[in-house]
Amino acid sequence: MARGWTQNMKLVYALLLLVFAPTTLLAVSAIDDLPDLTGGVIPLLSYDTGESGGGQLFSGGRLSSRGEVHYLVRIKNQSGDPILAESLIVVVHKIQESARLRDVTLELDLPNADGHTKDGLPYFHVPVDSMPYLQPYAESQPFKLEIKNPNLFRLYPPVLRVYGARLTPAQAYQDTLKTLNKDNERRN
């Protein structure tokens, strides 16, 4: 009886997987086509004083112009949906000069950027351990955002936008079925 039930369940799982299976995990082909998740998934930005001890960044207790600024960036998923880890990127949307409030993003060098959007904006892939998803209410690993400022502009912190693909209900259902199937196989 139990064996027949297991065979039937495997058949049901296989049929459901055929119906709900996405063609690829990441259905978006290009970075520029990823949806903007900013708001539900937020960037957390802090100064990285690890290398310089803050000595170059602060002069006489005040923020000073400098040729290089290092930030640590983490992403917090405040939405109720898992986000596909391989799709998560952070785009440096804008860096403003504080004196004239103009966007100087394209005049700066971000040497550790993973690439550029079609608009020339630098982007970074977000490290999420070795997990396939950034789970709801979880944070990513920090990554370094380095800005080389050859003109020594006084800069406001960068405005960051988060892009990625949410796990669809069909994909979540598929993952649940896989987990149930694995648990069922271990028991038998």
N, C-alpha and C. Protein backbone atom coordinates (compact mmCIF):
# COMPACT_ATOMS: atom_id res chain seq x y z
N MET A 1 0.83 -1.19 0.00
CA MET A 1 0.00 0.00 0.00
C MET A 1 0.87 1.26 0.00
N ALA A 2 1.84 1.33 0.88
CA ALA A 2 2.71 2.50 0.97
C ALA A 2 3.53 2.66 -0.30
N ARG A 3 3.94 1.53 -0.88
CA ARG A 3 4.75 1.60 -2.09
C ARG A 3 3.94 2.17 -3.26
N GLY A 4 2.68 1.73 -3.41
CA GLY A 4 1.80 2.24 -4.46
C GLY A 4 1.52 3.72 -4.28
N TRP A 5 1.36 4.14 -3.04
CA TRP A 5 1.12 5.56 -2.75
C TRP A 5 2.34 6.38 -3.15
N THR A 6 3.54 5.89 -2.86
CA THR A 6 4.78 6.59 -3.20
C THR A 6 4.91 6.71 -4.71
N GLN A 7 4.59 5.67 -5.46
CA GLN A 7 4.65 5.73 -6.92
C GLN A 7 3.67 6.78 -7.45
N ASN A 8 2.46 6.79 -6.90
CA ASN A 8 1.46 7.76 -7.34
C ASN A 8 1.89 9.18 -7.02
N MET A 9 2.47 9.39 -5.85
CA MET A 9 2.93 10.73 -5.46
C MET A 9 4.05 11.21 -6.39
N LYS A 10 4.96 10.30 -6.75
CA LYS A 10 6.04 10.68 -7.67
C LYS A 10 5.47 11.09 -9.02
N LEU A 11 4.44 10.40 -9.48
CA LEU A 11 3.81 10.74 -10.74
C LEU A 11 3.13 12.12 -10.64
N VAL A 12 2.45 12.37 -9.53
CA VAL A 12 1.80 13.67 -9.31
C VAL A 12 2.85 14.77 -9.27
N TYR A 13 3.95 14.54 -8.55
CA TYR A 13 5.03 15.54 -8.48
C TYR A 13 5.59 15.81 -9.86
N ALA A 14 5.83 14.76 -10.64
CA ALA A 14 6.39 14.93 -11.98
C ALA A 14 5.46 15.75 -12.86
N LEU A 15 4.17 15.48 -12.79
CA LEU A 15 3.21 16.24 -13.59
C LEU A 15 3.15 17.70 -13.16
N LEU A 16 3.16 17.93 -11.86
CA LEU A 16 3.14 19.30 -11.36
C LEU A 16 4.39 20.07 -11.76
N LEU A 17 5.53 19.39 -11.75
CA LEU A 17 6.78 20.04 -12.15
C LEU A 17 6.74 20.42 -13.61
N LEU A 18 6.16 19.57 -14.45
CA LEU A 18 6.05 19.89 -15.86
C LEU A 18 5.16 21.11 -16.09
N VAL A 19 4.10 21.22 -15.31
CA VAL A 19 3.18 22.33 -15.48
C VAL A 19 3.77 23.63 -14.95
N PHE A 20 4.41 23.56 -13.77
CA PHE A 20 4.87 24.78 -13.12
C PHE A 20 6.34 25.11 -13.32
N ALA A 21 7.09 24.23 -13.93
CA ALA A 21 8.54 24.45 -14.05
C ALA A 21 8.84 25.65 -14.95
N PRO A 22 9.67 26.59 -14.47
CA PRO A 22 10.07 27.70 -15.33
C PRO A 22 11.11 27.21 -16.34
N THR A 23 11.22 27.92 -17.45
CA THR A 23 12.18 27.51 -18.47
C THR A 23 13.61 27.68 -17.96
N THR A 24 13.85 28.70 -17.17
CA THR A 24 15.15 28.90 -16.54
C THR A 24 14.91 29.47 -15.16
N LEU A 25 15.90 29.32 -14.29
CA LEU A 25 15.76 29.93 -12.97
C LEU A 25 15.69 31.44 -13.08
N LEU A 26 16.52 32.00 -13.92
CA LEU A 26 16.52 33.44 -14.09
C LEU A 26 15.94 33.72 -15.47
N ALA A 27 14.68 34.08 -15.50
CA ALA A 27 13.99 34.29 -16.77
C ALA A 27 14.41 35.60 -17.44
N VAL A 28 15.16 36.41 -16.76
CA VAL A 28 15.58 37.68 -17.32
C VAL A 28 16.94 37.49 -17.97
N SER A 29 17.06 37.92 -19.22
CA SER A 29 18.28 37.65 -19.96
C SER A 29 19.35 38.72 -19.77
N ALA A 30 18.96 39.94 -19.53
CA ALA A 30 19.94 41.02 -19.43
C ALA A 30 19.76 41.79 -18.13
N ILE A 31 20.84 42.35 -17.67
CA ILE A 31 20.81 43.10 -16.42
C ILE A 31 19.88 44.30 -16.53
N ASP A 32 19.84 44.92 -17.69
CA ASP A 32 18.99 46.09 -17.87
C ASP A 32 17.50 45.74 -17.84
N ASP A 33 17.16 44.46 -17.97
CA ASP A 33 15.76 44.04 -17.97
C ASP A 33 15.27 43.62 -16.59
N LEU A 34 16.16 43.59 -15.59
CA LEU A 34 15.75 43.19 -14.25
C LEU A 34 14.83 44.23 -13.63
N PRO A 35 13.83 43.78 -12.86
CA PRO A 35 12.95 44.75 -12.20
C PRO A 35 13.65 45.43 -11.03
N ASP A 36 13.27 46.68 -10.79
CA ASP A 36 13.80 47.46 -9.68
C ASP A 36 13.08 47.02 -8.41
N LEU A 37 13.85 46.50 -7.45
CA LEU A 37 13.29 46.00 -6.20
C LEU A 37 13.47 46.98 -5.04
N THR A 38 14.11 48.12 -5.32
CA THR A 38 14.41 49.09 -4.27
C THR A 38 13.12 49.50 -3.57
N GLY A 39 13.14 49.48 -2.28
CA GLY A 39 11.95 49.74 -1.46
C GLY A 39 11.65 48.50 -0.66
N GLY A 40 11.44 47.39 -1.35
CA GLY A 40 11.24 46.11 -0.67
C GLY A 40 12.57 45.45 -0.32
N VAL A 41 13.56 45.70 -1.15
CA VAL A 41 14.91 45.20 -0.92
C VAL A 41 15.79 46.44 -0.89
N ILE A 42 16.37 46.72 0.28
CA ILE A 42 17.07 48.00 0.44
C ILE A 42 18.58 47.82 0.60
N PRO A 43 19.34 48.78 0.05
CA PRO A 43 20.79 48.76 0.27
C PRO A 43 21.14 49.42 1.60
N LEU A 44 22.07 48.83 2.32
CA LEU A 44 22.57 49.40 3.57
C LEU A 44 24.02 49.79 3.32
N LEU A 45 24.33 51.07 3.48
CA LEU A 45 25.62 51.62 3.13
C LEU A 45 26.32 52.14 4.36
N SER A 46 27.60 51.79 4.52
CA SER A 46 28.39 52.33 5.64
C SER A 46 29.81 52.57 5.16
N TYR A 47 30.50 53.50 5.81
CA TYR A 47 31.90 53.76 5.46
C TYR A 47 32.74 52.58 5.89
N ASP A 48 33.68 52.21 5.05
CA ASP A 48 34.64 51.17 5.40
C ASP A 48 35.91 51.85 5.87
N THR A 49 36.11 51.83 7.17
CA THR A 49 37.31 52.46 7.74
C THR A 49 38.37 51.42 8.07
N GLY A 50 38.18 50.20 7.61
CA GLY A 50 39.10 49.11 7.92
C GLY A 50 40.50 49.32 7.40
N GLU A 51 40.64 49.78 6.15
CA GLU A 51 41.96 49.93 5.56
C GLU A 51 42.68 51.18 6.05
N SER A 52 41.97 52.31 6.08
CA SER A 52 42.64 53.56 6.40
C SER A 52 42.45 53.99 7.84
N GLY A 53 41.61 53.27 8.59
CA GLY A 53 41.36 53.65 9.96
C GLY A 53 40.60 54.95 10.09
N GLY A 54 40.06 55.44 8.98
CA GLY A 54 39.31 56.69 9.00
C GLY A 54 40.20 57.90 8.82
N GLY A 55 41.53 57.72 8.81
CA GLY A 55 42.44 58.85 8.74
C GLY A 55 42.31 59.68 7.49
N GLN A 56 42.10 59.04 6.32
CA GLN A 56 41.98 59.80 5.09
C GLN A 56 40.58 60.38 4.93
N LEU A 57 39.60 59.72 5.47
CA LEU A 57 38.23 60.16 5.28
C LEU A 57 37.92 61.38 6.14
N PHE A 58 38.46 61.42 7.35
CA PHE A 58 38.17 62.53 8.26
C PHE A 58 39.44 63.32 8.53
N SER A 59 39.31 64.64 8.44
CA SER A 59 40.44 65.52 8.70
C SER A 59 39.97 66.56 9.70
N GLY A 60 40.60 66.60 10.85
CA GLY A 60 40.22 67.56 11.88
C GLY A 60 38.80 67.33 12.38
N GLY A 61 38.35 66.07 12.35
CA GLY A 61 37.03 65.74 12.84
C GLY A 61 35.91 65.99 11.84
N ARG A 62 36.25 66.47 10.62
CA ARG A 62 35.24 66.75 9.60
C ARG A 62 35.45 65.85 8.40
N LEU A 63 34.38 65.61 7.68
CA LEU A 63 34.47 64.87 6.44
C LEU A 63 35.24 65.72 5.44
N SER A 64 36.23 65.14 4.81
CA SER A 64 37.05 65.92 3.89
C SER A 64 36.99 65.33 2.49
N SER A 65 37.39 66.13 1.50
CA SER A 65 37.54 65.62 0.14
C SER A 65 38.69 64.64 0.15
N ARG A 66 38.59 63.64 -0.68
CA ARG A 66 39.70 62.70 -0.78
C ARG A 66 39.65 62.00 -2.10
N GLY A 67 40.74 61.44 -2.44
CA GLY A 67 40.85 60.78 -3.74
C GLY A 67 40.22 59.41 -3.78
N GLU A 68 39.95 58.82 -2.63
CA GLU A 68 39.39 57.47 -2.60
C GLU A 68 38.46 57.32 -1.40
N VAL A 69 37.29 56.72 -1.65
CA VAL A 69 36.33 56.46 -0.58
C VAL A 69 35.91 55.00 -0.69
N HIS A 70 35.86 54.34 0.45
CA HIS A 70 35.45 52.93 0.49
C HIS A 70 34.18 52.81 1.32
N TYR A 71 33.21 52.11 0.75
CA TYR A 71 31.96 51.81 1.46
C TYR A 71 31.80 50.31 1.56
N LEU A 72 31.07 49.88 2.57
CA LEU A 72 30.60 48.50 2.66
C LEU A 72 29.10 48.55 2.39
N VAL A 73 28.65 47.65 1.52
CA VAL A 73 27.24 47.62 1.13
C VAL A 73 26.69 46.24 1.44
N ARG A 74 25.52 46.22 2.06
CA ARG A 74 24.76 44.98 2.27
C ARG A 74 23.36 45.23 1.73
N ILE A 75 22.67 44.17 1.44
CA ILE A 75 21.30 44.26 0.96
C ILE A 75 20.40 43.58 1.98
N LYS A 76 19.30 44.23 2.33
CA LYS A 76 18.33 43.63 3.24
C LYS A 76 17.02 43.43 2.49
N ASN A 77 16.55 42.19 2.49
CA ASN A 77 15.30 41.84 1.83
C ASN A 77 14.17 42.06 2.83
N GLN A 78 13.48 43.18 2.72
CA GLN A 78 12.37 43.47 3.64
C GLN A 78 11.03 43.05 3.05
N SER A 79 11.07 42.42 1.89
CA SER A 79 9.83 41.94 1.29
C SER A 79 9.54 40.55 1.84
N GLY A 80 8.40 40.05 1.56
CA GLY A 80 8.04 38.70 1.99
C GLY A 80 8.40 37.65 0.96
N ASP A 81 9.08 38.05 -0.11
CA ASP A 81 9.42 37.12 -1.19
C ASP A 81 10.91 36.83 -1.21
N PRO A 82 11.28 35.57 -1.45
CA PRO A 82 12.69 35.28 -1.69
C PRO A 82 13.13 35.91 -3.02
N ILE A 83 14.39 36.33 -3.09
CA ILE A 83 14.95 36.93 -4.29
C ILE A 83 16.02 35.98 -4.81
N LEU A 84 15.99 35.71 -6.11
CA LEU A 84 17.00 34.82 -6.70
C LEU A 84 18.38 35.44 -6.53
N ALA A 85 19.26 34.74 -5.84
CA ALA A 85 20.58 35.29 -5.51
C ALA A 85 21.39 35.62 -6.75
N GLU A 86 21.32 34.77 -7.76
CA GLU A 86 22.13 35.01 -8.96
C GLU A 86 21.68 36.25 -9.73
N SER A 87 20.50 36.76 -9.44
CA SER A 87 19.99 37.93 -10.16
C SER A 87 20.22 39.24 -9.42
N LEU A 88 20.60 39.20 -8.16
CA LEU A 88 20.70 40.41 -7.34
C LEU A 88 21.89 41.28 -7.73
N ILE A 89 21.60 42.50 -8.12
CA ILE A 89 22.66 43.46 -8.41
C ILE A 89 22.31 44.80 -7.77
N VAL A 90 23.35 45.58 -7.52
CA VAL A 90 23.20 46.94 -7.02
C VAL A 90 23.78 47.86 -8.08
N VAL A 91 22.99 48.83 -8.51
CA VAL A 91 23.43 49.82 -9.48
C VAL A 91 23.68 51.13 -8.74
N VAL A 92 24.84 51.73 -9.00
CA VAL A 92 25.14 53.05 -8.45
C VAL A 92 24.38 54.04 -9.33
N HIS A 93 23.24 54.46 -8.85
CA HIS A 93 22.31 55.29 -9.63
C HIS A 93 22.80 56.73 -9.76
N LYS A 94 23.36 57.25 -8.66
CA LYS A 94 23.80 58.64 -8.68
C LYS A 94 24.79 58.89 -7.55
N ILE A 95 25.82 59.68 -7.85
CA ILE A 95 26.72 60.22 -6.83
C ILE A 95 26.77 61.72 -7.10
N GLN A 96 26.34 62.50 -6.12
CA GLN A 96 26.27 63.94 -6.29
C GLN A 96 27.45 64.65 -5.65
N GLU A 97 27.92 65.67 -6.34
CA GLU A 97 28.90 66.57 -5.78
C GLU A 97 28.15 67.52 -4.85
N SER A 98 28.65 67.73 -3.65
CA SER A 98 27.91 68.52 -2.68
C SER A 98 27.94 70.02 -2.97
N ALA A 99 28.94 70.51 -3.66
CA ALA A 99 29.04 71.95 -3.90
C ALA A 99 27.99 72.45 -4.90
N ARG A 100 27.80 71.73 -6.00
CA ARG A 100 26.87 72.19 -7.04
C ARG A 100 25.68 71.27 -7.24
N LEU A 101 25.58 70.25 -6.42
CA LEU A 101 24.49 69.29 -6.49
C LEU A 101 24.29 68.71 -7.89
N ARG A 102 25.39 68.43 -8.56
CA ARG A 102 25.29 67.81 -9.87
C ARG A 102 25.76 66.36 -9.79
N ASP A 103 25.22 65.55 -10.67
CA ASP A 103 25.56 64.14 -10.71
C ASP A 103 26.94 63.98 -11.36
N VAL A 104 27.88 63.40 -10.62
CA VAL A 104 29.24 63.19 -11.14
C VAL A 104 29.58 61.71 -11.25
N THR A 105 28.58 60.86 -11.25
CA THR A 105 28.80 59.42 -11.27
C THR A 105 29.73 59.00 -12.41
N LEU A 106 29.49 59.52 -13.59
CA LEU A 106 30.27 59.10 -14.75
C LEU A 106 31.66 59.73 -14.79
N GLU A 107 31.95 60.69 -13.89
CA GLU A 107 33.27 61.31 -13.80
C GLU A 107 34.16 60.61 -12.78
N LEU A 108 33.60 59.64 -12.06
CA LEU A 108 34.34 58.91 -11.03
C LEU A 108 34.69 57.52 -11.54
N ASP A 109 35.66 56.91 -10.89
CA ASP A 109 36.06 55.55 -11.26
C ASP A 109 35.67 54.61 -10.11
N LEU A 110 34.94 53.57 -10.43
CA LEU A 110 34.58 52.54 -9.46
C LEU A 110 35.26 51.25 -9.93
N PRO A 111 36.53 51.05 -9.53
CA PRO A 111 37.35 49.99 -10.12
C PRO A 111 36.87 48.56 -9.85
N ASN A 112 36.15 48.33 -8.77
CA ASN A 112 35.74 46.95 -8.49
C ASN A 112 34.31 46.66 -8.95
N ALA A 113 33.75 47.52 -9.81
CA ALA A 113 32.41 47.27 -10.35
C ALA A 113 32.45 46.02 -11.23
N ASP A 114 31.35 45.28 -11.23
CA ASP A 114 31.27 44.06 -12.04
C ASP A 114 30.91 44.34 -13.49
N GLY A 115 30.45 45.54 -13.78
CA GLY A 115 30.09 45.91 -15.14
C GLY A 115 29.34 47.22 -15.14
N HIS A 116 28.78 47.54 -16.31
CA HIS A 116 28.04 48.79 -16.48
C HIS A 116 26.73 48.51 -17.21
N THR A 117 25.70 49.26 -16.85
CA THR A 117 24.42 49.16 -17.53
C THR A 117 24.54 49.82 -18.90
N LYS A 118 23.49 49.72 -19.70
CA LYS A 118 23.53 50.37 -21.03
C LYS A 118 23.64 51.89 -20.91
N ASP A 119 23.27 52.44 -19.74
CA ASP A 119 23.41 53.88 -19.49
C ASP A 119 24.79 54.25 -18.95
N GLY A 120 25.67 53.26 -18.79
CA GLY A 120 27.02 53.51 -18.30
C GLY A 120 27.15 53.52 -16.79
N LEU A 121 26.06 53.20 -16.07
CA LEU A 121 26.12 53.20 -14.61
C LEU A 121 26.76 51.91 -14.11
N PRO A 122 27.67 52.00 -13.13
CA PRO A 122 28.33 50.80 -12.61
C PRO A 122 27.37 49.95 -11.78
N TYR A 123 27.56 48.63 -11.85
CA TYR A 123 26.76 47.73 -11.02
C TYR A 123 27.66 46.70 -10.35
N PHE A 124 27.13 46.11 -9.28
CA PHE A 124 27.83 45.12 -8.48
C PHE A 124 26.91 43.93 -8.26
N HIS A 125 27.44 42.72 -8.39
CA HIS A 125 26.68 41.52 -8.01
C HIS A 125 26.71 41.40 -6.50
N VAL A 126 25.60 41.01 -5.91
CA VAL A 126 25.46 40.94 -4.47
C VAL A 126 25.82 39.52 -4.00
N PRO A 127 26.79 39.38 -3.08
CA PRO A 127 27.13 38.05 -2.57
C PRO A 127 26.09 37.58 -1.54
N VAL A 128 25.58 36.37 -1.73
CA VAL A 128 24.57 35.81 -0.83
C VAL A 128 25.02 34.41 -0.42
N ASP A 129 26.17 34.33 0.26
CA ASP A 129 26.75 33.03 0.63
C ASP A 129 26.70 32.11 -0.57
N SER A 130 26.31 30.88 -0.36
CA SER A 130 26.13 29.94 -1.47
C SER A 130 24.66 29.55 -1.58
N MET A 131 23.81 30.40 -1.04
CA MET A 131 22.37 30.14 -1.05
C MET A 131 21.79 30.51 -2.41
N PRO A 132 20.76 29.79 -2.86
CA PRO A 132 20.14 30.15 -4.14
C PRO A 132 19.25 31.39 -4.05
N TYR A 133 18.82 31.75 -2.84
CA TYR A 133 17.90 32.87 -2.65
C TYR A 133 18.35 33.73 -1.48
N LEU A 134 17.99 35.02 -1.57
CA LEU A 134 18.07 35.88 -0.40
C LEU A 134 16.68 35.80 0.22
N GLN A 135 16.60 35.14 1.34
CA GLN A 135 15.32 34.85 1.98
C GLN A 135 14.67 36.14 2.50
N PRO A 136 13.35 36.12 2.72
CA PRO A 136 12.69 37.29 3.29
C PRO A 136 13.31 37.69 4.63
N TYR A 137 13.50 38.98 4.82
CA TYR A 137 14.01 39.59 6.04
C TYR A 137 15.46 39.20 6.35
N ALA A 138 16.18 38.71 5.34
CA ALA A 138 17.59 38.35 5.50
C ALA A 138 18.48 39.43 4.87
N GLU A 139 19.76 39.40 5.26
CA GLU A 139 20.73 40.33 4.71
C GLU A 139 21.79 39.57 3.93
N SER A 140 22.31 40.22 2.89
CA SER A 140 23.39 39.63 2.11
C SER A 140 24.71 39.80 2.84
N GLN A 141 25.74 39.19 2.30
CA GLN A 141 27.09 39.44 2.79
C GLN A 141 27.49 40.84 2.33
N PRO A 142 28.36 41.51 3.08
CA PRO A 142 28.79 42.84 2.63
C PRO A 142 29.77 42.72 1.46
N PHE A 143 29.76 43.73 0.62
CA PHE A 143 30.77 43.83 -0.44
C PHE A 143 31.28 45.27 -0.46
N LYS A 144 32.46 45.43 -1.01
CA LYS A 144 33.12 46.74 -0.99
C LYS A 144 32.77 47.52 -2.26
N LEU A 145 32.41 48.78 -2.06
CA LEU A 145 32.19 49.72 -3.14
C LEU A 145 33.28 50.77 -3.00
N GLU A 146 34.18 50.80 -3.94
CA GLU A 146 35.33 51.71 -3.89
C GLU A 146 35.13 52.80 -4.94
N ILE A 147 35.30 54.05 -4.51
CA ILE A 147 35.16 55.18 -5.42
C ILE A 147 36.49 55.91 -5.49
N LYS A 148 37.04 56.00 -6.70
CA LYS A 148 38.24 56.81 -6.93
C LYS A 148 37.78 58.15 -7.46
N ASN A 149 38.20 59.20 -6.77
CA ASN A 149 37.71 60.55 -7.00
C ASN A 149 38.88 61.43 -7.43
N PRO A 150 39.32 61.36 -8.71
CA PRO A 150 40.52 62.10 -9.12
C PRO A 150 40.37 63.62 -9.05
N ASN A 151 39.14 64.14 -9.14
CA ASN A 151 38.91 65.58 -9.08
C ASN A 151 38.72 66.10 -7.66
N LEU A 152 38.78 65.20 -6.70
CA LEU A 152 38.63 65.53 -5.28
C LEU A 152 37.33 66.29 -4.99
N PHE A 153 36.26 65.87 -5.64
CA PHE A 153 34.95 66.44 -5.35
C PHE A 153 34.57 66.11 -3.92
N ARG A 154 33.80 66.98 -3.30
CA ARG A 154 33.14 66.62 -2.04
C ARG A 154 31.86 65.92 -2.44
N LEU A 155 31.72 64.68 -1.99
CA LEU A 155 30.64 63.84 -2.48
C LEU A 155 29.65 63.49 -1.39
N TYR A 156 28.39 63.45 -1.80
CA TYR A 156 27.37 62.83 -0.95
C TYR A 156 27.51 61.32 -1.14
N PRO A 157 27.06 60.54 -0.17
CA PRO A 157 27.08 59.08 -0.37
C PRO A 157 26.28 58.71 -1.61
N PRO A 158 26.66 57.62 -2.27
CA PRO A 158 25.98 57.23 -3.51
C PRO A 158 24.52 56.81 -3.27
N VAL A 159 23.71 57.07 -4.29
CA VAL A 159 22.33 56.59 -4.30
C VAL A 159 22.35 55.24 -5.01
N LEU A 160 21.93 54.20 -4.31
CA LEU A 160 21.98 52.84 -4.84
C LEU A 160 20.58 52.33 -5.13
N ARG A 161 20.45 51.57 -6.20
CA ARG A 161 19.19 50.91 -6.56
C ARG A 161 19.47 49.42 -6.62
N VAL A 162 18.51 48.62 -6.15
CA VAL A 162 18.65 47.16 -6.13
C VAL A 162 17.75 46.58 -7.21
N TYR A 163 18.33 45.71 -8.03
CA TYR A 163 17.60 45.04 -9.10
C TYR A 163 17.74 43.54 -8.91
N GLY A 164 16.73 42.80 -9.32
CA GLY A 164 16.77 41.35 -9.21
C GLY A 164 15.44 40.74 -9.58
N ALA A 165 15.38 39.43 -9.46
CA ALA A 165 14.16 38.70 -9.80
C ALA A 165 13.61 38.02 -8.55
N ARG A 166 12.35 38.28 -8.29
CA ARG A 166 11.68 37.61 -7.16
C ARG A 166 11.40 36.17 -7.53
N LEU A 167 11.36 35.33 -6.53
CA LEU A 167 10.98 33.95 -6.74
C LEU A 167 9.47 33.93 -7.00
N THR A 168 9.08 33.41 -8.14
CA THR A 168 7.66 33.39 -8.49
C THR A 168 6.93 32.35 -7.65
N PRO A 169 5.63 32.47 -7.50
CA PRO A 169 4.87 31.45 -6.76
C PRO A 169 5.06 30.06 -7.36
N ALA A 170 5.16 29.97 -8.68
CA ALA A 170 5.36 28.66 -9.32
C ALA A 170 6.71 28.07 -8.92
N GLN A 171 7.74 28.92 -8.88
CA GLN A 171 9.06 28.44 -8.47
C GLN A 171 9.07 28.04 -7.00
N ALA A 172 8.40 28.82 -6.17
CA ALA A 172 8.32 28.49 -4.74
C ALA A 172 7.59 27.16 -4.56
N TYR A 173 6.53 26.96 -5.32
CA TYR A 173 5.78 25.71 -5.26
C TYR A 173 6.66 24.55 -5.71
N GLN A 174 7.43 24.77 -6.78
CA GLN A 174 8.34 23.74 -7.28
C GLN A 174 9.37 23.37 -6.23
N ASP A 175 9.96 24.36 -5.58
CA ASP A 175 10.95 24.09 -4.54
C ASP A 175 10.34 23.33 -3.37
N THR A 176 9.12 23.67 -3.00
CA THR A 176 8.43 22.95 -1.92
C THR A 176 8.22 21.50 -2.31
N LEU A 177 7.81 21.27 -3.54
CA LEU A 177 7.60 19.90 -4.01
C LEU A 177 8.91 19.11 -4.01
N LYS A 178 10.01 19.74 -4.43
CA LYS A 178 11.30 19.07 -4.41
C LYS A 178 11.69 18.67 -2.99
N THR A 179 11.47 19.58 -2.05
CA THR A 179 11.80 19.30 -0.65
C THR A 179 10.95 18.16 -0.11
N LEU A 180 9.66 18.19 -0.41
CA LEU A 180 8.77 17.11 0.03
C LEU A 180 9.17 15.78 -0.59
N ASN A 181 9.54 15.81 -1.84
CA ASN A 181 9.95 14.58 -2.52
C ASN A 181 11.22 14.02 -1.90
N LYS A 182 12.19 14.88 -1.61
CA LYS A 182 13.43 14.43 -0.96
C LYS A 182 13.16 13.84 0.41
N ASP A 183 12.29 14.50 1.19
CA ASP A 183 11.93 13.98 2.51
C ASP A 183 11.23 12.63 2.40
N ASN A 184 10.38 12.50 1.42
CA ASN A 184 9.64 11.24 1.21
C ASN A 184 10.60 10.13 0.81
N GLU A 185 11.58 10.42 -0.06
CA GLU A 185 12.56 9.42 -0.48
C GLU A 185 13.45 8.99 0.67
N ARG A 186 13.81 9.91 1.56
CA ARG A 186 14.65 9.56 2.71
C ARG A 186 13.93 8.62 3.66
N ARG A 187 12.62 8.81 3.80
CA ARG A 187 11.85 7.97 4.71
C ARG A 187 11.68 6.56 4.17
N ASN A 188 11.66 6.43 2.86
CA ASN A 188 11.41 5.09 2.27
C ASN A 188 12.68 4.38 1.96
